[in-house]
Structure formats: structure tokens, C-alpha cells
Protein backbone atom coordinates (compact mmCIF):
# COMPACT_ATOMS: atom_id res chain seq x y z
CA MET A 1 0.09 -0.04 -0.06
CA THR A 2 1.35 3.52 -0.87
CA ASN A 3 1.00 6.65 1.07
CA LYS A 4 1.44 9.87 0.09
CA THR A 5 5.23 10.02 1.88
CA ASP A 6 5.62 7.15 -0.58
CA GLU A 7 4.16 9.02 -3.60
CA GLY A 8 6.01 12.33 -2.88
CA ILE A 9 9.78 9.77 -2.38
CA SER A 10 8.78 8.66 -6.35
CA GLU A 11 7.90 11.80 -7.88
CA LEU A 12 11.00 13.51 -6.31
CA ARG A 13 13.13 10.30 -7.08
CA GLU A 14 12.14 10.58 -10.52
CA LYS A 15 12.65 14.16 -10.41
CA LEU A 16 15.82 14.31 -8.85
CA TRP A 17 17.53 12.10 -11.25
CA GLN A 18 16.33 13.63 -14.79
CA ALA A 19 17.66 17.24 -13.28
CA ARG A 20 20.21 18.97 -14.76
CA GLN A 21 21.02 21.13 -12.17
CA VAL A 22 20.33 20.41 -8.31
CA VAL A 23 20.29 22.53 -5.31
CA VAL A 24 19.17 21.32 -1.68
CA LEU A 25 18.79 23.88 0.93
CA THR A 26 19.18 22.59 4.61
CA GLY A 27 18.35 24.29 8.13
CA ALA A 28 18.36 23.02 11.39
CA GLY A 29 15.92 19.93 11.25
CA ILE A 30 18.51 18.12 9.56
CA SER A 31 20.86 19.06 12.41
CA ALA A 32 18.51 17.99 15.04
CA GLU A 33 18.39 14.82 13.93
CA SER A 34 22.42 14.29 14.72
CA GLY A 35 21.31 16.49 18.51
CA VAL A 36 22.36 19.52 17.52
CA PRO A 37 20.13 21.73 20.08
CA THR A 38 18.39 24.56 17.98
CA PHE A 39 18.25 27.18 20.21
CA ARG A 40 15.16 28.90 19.15
CA GLY A 41 11.73 29.56 21.32
CA GLU A 42 11.45 27.59 24.71
CA GLY A 43 14.85 26.38 26.22
CA GLY A 44 17.07 28.31 24.42
CA LEU A 45 18.87 29.71 26.98
CA TRP A 46 22.50 29.13 28.22
CA LYS A 47 23.46 29.81 31.82
CA ARG A 48 20.66 32.63 32.14
CA TYR A 49 21.08 34.73 29.16
CA SER A 50 19.14 34.22 25.99
CA VAL A 51 21.17 33.15 22.64
CA MET A 52 19.54 36.19 21.12
CA GLU A 53 21.53 38.33 23.61
CA LEU A 54 24.79 36.81 23.03
CA ALA A 55 25.09 36.17 19.26
CA THR A 56 25.28 39.59 18.67
CA PRO A 57 27.99 42.10 17.92
CA GLU A 58 27.43 44.02 20.68
CA ALA A 59 27.31 41.36 22.96
CA PHE A 60 30.95 40.37 21.79
CA SER A 61 31.91 43.97 21.68
CA ARG A 62 30.51 44.57 25.61
CA ASP A 63 32.09 41.05 26.95
CA PRO A 64 34.11 38.89 24.56
CA LYS A 65 34.97 36.72 27.18
CA LEU A 66 31.40 35.62 27.82
CA VAL A 67 30.65 35.27 24.43
CA TRP A 68 33.86 33.09 23.79
CA GLU A 69 32.55 30.98 26.79
CA PHE A 70 29.29 30.51 25.36
CA TYR A 71 30.69 29.54 21.99
CA ASN A 72 33.53 26.98 23.27
CA TRP A 73 30.79 25.07 25.58
CA ARG A 74 28.71 24.98 21.84
CA ARG A 75 31.80 23.85 20.06
CA GLU A 76 32.05 21.02 23.23
CA LEU A 77 28.46 20.12 22.68
CA LEU A 78 28.95 19.57 18.73
CA ALA A 79 32.55 17.86 18.88
CA PRO A 80 31.41 14.50 19.82
CA LEU A 81 28.49 14.64 17.52
CA SER A 82 28.39 12.71 13.87
CA PRO A 83 26.55 12.80 10.86
CA ASN A 84 23.05 11.17 10.36
CA PRO A 85 21.63 9.62 7.34
CA GLY A 86 20.53 12.67 5.77
CA HIS A 87 23.87 14.37 5.45
CA TYR A 88 25.62 10.97 4.23
CA ALA A 89 23.18 11.12 1.13
CA LEU A 90 23.85 14.57 0.09
CA ALA A 91 27.15 14.09 0.04
CA GLU A 92 26.19 10.69 -2.00
CA MET A 93 24.16 12.89 -4.31
CA GLN A 94 26.72 15.62 -4.57
CA ARG A 95 29.48 12.48 -5.87
CA ARG A 96 26.53 11.34 -8.41
CA ILE A 97 24.99 14.71 -10.08
CA PRO A 98 27.75 16.72 -11.79
CA ARG A 99 26.15 19.97 -10.83
CA PHE A 100 24.84 19.77 -7.55
CA THR A 101 25.06 22.53 -4.80
CA LEU A 102 24.63 22.37 -1.16
CA VAL A 103 23.16 25.51 0.61
CA THR A 104 22.78 25.41 4.59
CA GLN A 105 21.51 27.49 7.22
CA ASN A 106 23.68 25.50 9.87
CA ILE A 107 26.69 26.32 11.14
CA ASP A 108 27.67 23.44 12.79
CA GLY A 109 29.64 21.77 10.06
CA LEU A 110 28.00 18.41 9.66
CA HIS A 111 27.64 18.76 6.29
CA ARG A 112 31.46 18.61 5.34
CA LYS A 113 32.05 15.73 8.33
CA ALA A 114 29.77 13.48 5.85
CA GLY A 115 32.21 14.63 2.81
CA SER A 116 30.00 17.37 1.27
CA THR A 117 32.63 19.87 -0.35
CA ASP A 118 32.32 23.10 -1.49
CA VAL A 119 29.32 23.67 1.07
CA ILE A 120 27.25 27.19 0.76
CA GLU A 121 27.11 28.22 4.45
CA LEU A 122 24.68 31.11 4.74
CA HIS A 123 25.61 31.50 8.37
CA GLY A 124 28.92 30.66 8.46
CA ASN A 125 30.88 27.83 10.47
CA ILE A 126 31.52 27.45 14.51
CA TRP A 127 34.67 25.57 13.34
CA TRP A 128 36.30 28.89 11.73
CA VAL A 129 37.31 31.91 13.28
CA ARG A 130 38.35 35.01 11.79
CA CYS A 131 40.93 37.76 13.34
CA THR A 132 39.19 41.15 14.28
CA GLY A 133 42.01 43.40 13.44
CA CYS A 134 44.02 41.54 9.70
CA GLY A 135 40.37 39.80 9.11
CA LYS A 136 42.37 36.38 8.31
CA LEU A 137 40.09 33.52 8.23
CA MET A 138 41.56 30.22 9.67
CA GLU A 139 39.51 26.58 10.89
CA ASP A 140 40.57 26.22 14.53
CA LEU A 141 39.06 22.59 15.68
CA ARG A 142 40.47 22.47 19.39
CA VAL A 143 38.28 22.17 21.99
CA PRO A 144 38.26 24.23 23.55
CA LEU A 145 39.93 26.99 22.56
CA PRO A 146 41.80 29.63 25.29
CA GLU A 147 39.22 31.56 27.09
CA MET A 148 40.16 35.02 24.72
CA PRO A 149 41.70 33.47 21.13
CA GLU A 150 44.15 35.56 19.87
CA CYS A 151 45.18 35.74 16.03
CA PRO A 152 48.54 33.71 14.95
CA THR A 153 49.58 36.64 12.42
CA CYS A 154 48.42 39.97 13.84
CA GLY A 155 47.93 39.07 17.89
CA ALA A 156 44.64 40.31 17.76
CA LEU A 157 41.25 38.82 19.27
CA LEU A 158 39.73 35.93 16.99
CA ARG A 159 35.99 35.90 16.71
CA PRO A 160 33.91 32.78 15.59
CA ASN A 161 33.15 33.19 11.85
CA VAL A 162 29.64 32.71 11.96
CA VAL A 163 26.90 35.67 11.32
CA TRP A 164 25.32 36.96 14.33
CA PHE A 165 21.99 38.63 14.80
CA GLY A 166 22.35 42.38 13.36
CA GLU A 167 25.12 41.39 10.66
CA MET A 168 24.44 41.13 7.08
CA LEU A 169 25.32 37.63 5.32
CA ASP A 170 28.34 38.02 3.17
CA PRO A 171 27.32 39.06 -0.04
CA GLN A 172 29.58 36.58 -1.94
CA VAL A 173 28.44 33.45 -0.28
CA LEU A 174 24.79 34.98 -0.74
CA ASN A 175 25.69 35.69 -4.58
CA ALA A 176 26.67 32.35 -4.99
CA ALA A 177 23.63 30.67 -3.46
CA TYR A 178 21.34 32.75 -5.71
CA GLU A 179 23.11 32.31 -9.07
CA ALA A 180 22.72 28.30 -7.90
CA ILE A 181 19.08 28.60 -6.98
CA SER A 182 18.43 30.77 -10.28
CA ASN A 183 19.80 28.17 -12.62
CA CYS A 184 18.82 24.85 -11.10
CA ASP A 185 15.49 22.88 -12.47
CA LEU A 186 15.25 21.02 -9.25
CA MET A 187 15.38 22.38 -5.28
CA ILE A 188 15.20 20.39 -2.45
CA VAL A 189 14.22 22.18 1.17
CA ALA A 190 14.86 19.53 3.77
CA GLY A 191 14.64 20.08 7.58
CA THR A 192 13.74 23.87 7.32
CA SER A 193 10.94 25.87 9.17
CA GLY A 194 10.52 28.73 6.26
CA THR A 195 10.88 31.52 8.89
CA VAL A 196 14.40 32.54 8.72
CA GLN A 197 15.32 35.21 5.95
CA PRO A 198 16.77 35.02 3.11
CA ALA A 199 16.80 31.57 3.54
CA ALA A 200 12.90 31.15 3.87
CA SER A 201 12.29 32.60 0.37
CA MET A 202 14.77 30.56 -1.67
CA GLY A 203 12.67 28.12 -2.65
CA VAL A 204 9.65 30.33 -4.04
CA GLN A 205 12.86 32.12 -6.00
CA ALA A 206 13.56 28.87 -7.35
CA LYS A 207 10.22 28.47 -8.22
CA ARG A 208 9.94 31.56 -10.01
CA SER A 209 13.31 30.57 -12.10
CA GLY A 210 10.97 27.76 -13.30
CA ALA A 211 12.90 24.75 -10.88
CA THR A 212 10.41 22.57 -9.40
CA VAL A 213 10.99 22.75 -5.58
CA ALA A 214 10.50 20.14 -3.12
CA GLU A 215 9.83 20.31 0.50
CA VAL A 216 11.37 17.62 3.18
CA ASN A 217 10.18 18.48 6.57
CA LEU A 218 8.19 17.05 9.82
CA GLU A 219 5.84 19.90 9.85
CA PRO A 220 4.06 21.94 7.45
CA THR A 221 5.83 25.47 6.72
CA PRO A 222 4.65 28.72 5.26
CA TYR A 223 5.40 27.34 1.81
CA THR A 224 3.71 23.85 1.97
CA ASP A 225 1.30 24.84 0.12
CA THR A 226 3.54 26.75 -2.57
CA TYR A 227 5.88 24.22 -3.44
CA GLN A 228 5.10 21.01 -5.82
CA ILE A 229 5.90 18.25 -3.90
CA SER A 230 6.14 18.24 -0.10
CA ILE A 231 7.07 15.18 2.12
CA SER A 232 6.15 14.91 5.61
CA GLY A 233 9.32 13.29 7.67
CA LYS A 234 12.71 13.27 8.78
CA SER A 235 15.93 14.33 6.41
CA GLY A 236 17.49 11.52 7.64
CA GLU A 237 14.74 8.70 6.65
CA ILE A 238 13.23 10.70 3.29
CA LEU A 239 16.89 11.84 1.99
CA PRO A 240 17.99 8.19 1.65
CA ARG A 241 15.31 6.82 -0.09
CA LEU A 242 16.33 9.32 -2.80
CA LEU A 243 19.20 7.48 -3.61
């Protein structure tokens, strides 16, 4: 007996392997399946602080030691976590599909850990740091980092290379995402609630450009009725079935 999920997966699988250019956008849902906390809504507290208060340029200017304590705690949480079958399925898709672009809102680095390359990370990556002096970017996997990590080149204070509340996304990163989206003929939006802009409207942009857009999510989103295919379920269970 087939159900709507089975029908949706069959339709999406057929579209996927017929597509010339594919874009996949992932959000917090795919990482939650690996045990990554979402920090949104209730429970989004660390010690007595709201995450919205700490992940800002103003908080870093006011108390960089506190902000680094928070990010060191997050790195300690993430370090032992592993990619799940959804991450690995996307890495395999990239190997099989010549024109494949993976765009993510997640900063946890799990897509790279699963073997995906050239990932467009809209909000940065918690395992990379940026110098507040010379601007140098570098990967730093130490857990924990020193309380106030310094740039090995110029000695200035380092900051997490993530996009904080109130900051603009890197224009080059955003342009790369939009270029891929405008040229794709299939886009899969997986594990994202569709509430954080500009990522939330990227599926609509792809549809306007003529692409088929499929959504894979546990719950309906504001765009469920807009996309051509909607599959309810966990990314870690649905995405491997597309292979």
C-alpha cells in the first residue's frame, strides 16, 4: 500500500535523477537529528542568557570573554556529534550529480564532516574563526579554545566566523547561493521551518525561475502549499530513499 509520503518520494526521486542542475537547502531540522540543539523558542537559554542576547556584535564588544565562553560550550556540544543518514545521502548525491549545490543555514560543519564539499554556508561555520584585526580566516578545531583566542598573525582577538543577529550575510556567499538557485531545475528544501530570511524565500525564488521545488520537513511550513512536492518526515529517513 502506498501513502502520500511514498508517492512524494517516488515523484521526487524521478525528478532528481532527471534534473540537470540541483540545489538542496538545509536547515536546523537535519542537524537536530544528529543531536544538535536548535536554541530557538523555549529552552533557548544558556546559563541565564538568551542566545539572542549573546550572538550579536554588541555582546561581543561588551563582553567578548562571555561570548567566547558560550561558543566554547557550543563547540564542546558539537565536537562528539556525527552526521546522520541525511547528511551522508546529500554527500552521495553530490558525488553522483555533476551540477549539485548544497546550501545550508547550519553552522555545525556536519555536512563537511559527512563528505560534502564546496558547501555554501549562509550563516558561517562555528569551526572557523576570523581575526578582528587583520581579517584572516582560519579553521580551528581545538576544543576548547583559549578564553580569549588571539590571531597567530597579528595578535588581535579572534571571533567565531558566524553571522550574528544584526549582521549582514556575506554578499559573495549569498550571491553564490542565488546564482545556483536561479539556474537549477530542481530544488529540495530539507529540515527548515521557512521562517528565517533570506533562506526562507529561496525556494520561492527557485520556483519563480522555473524549477520544481520539493519540501522535506517534519511539520508543514509557510511554503508547504507553494511548493510542487511536500514530503512529511525526517530528512535522515527521506533523503537516503532518494538514492
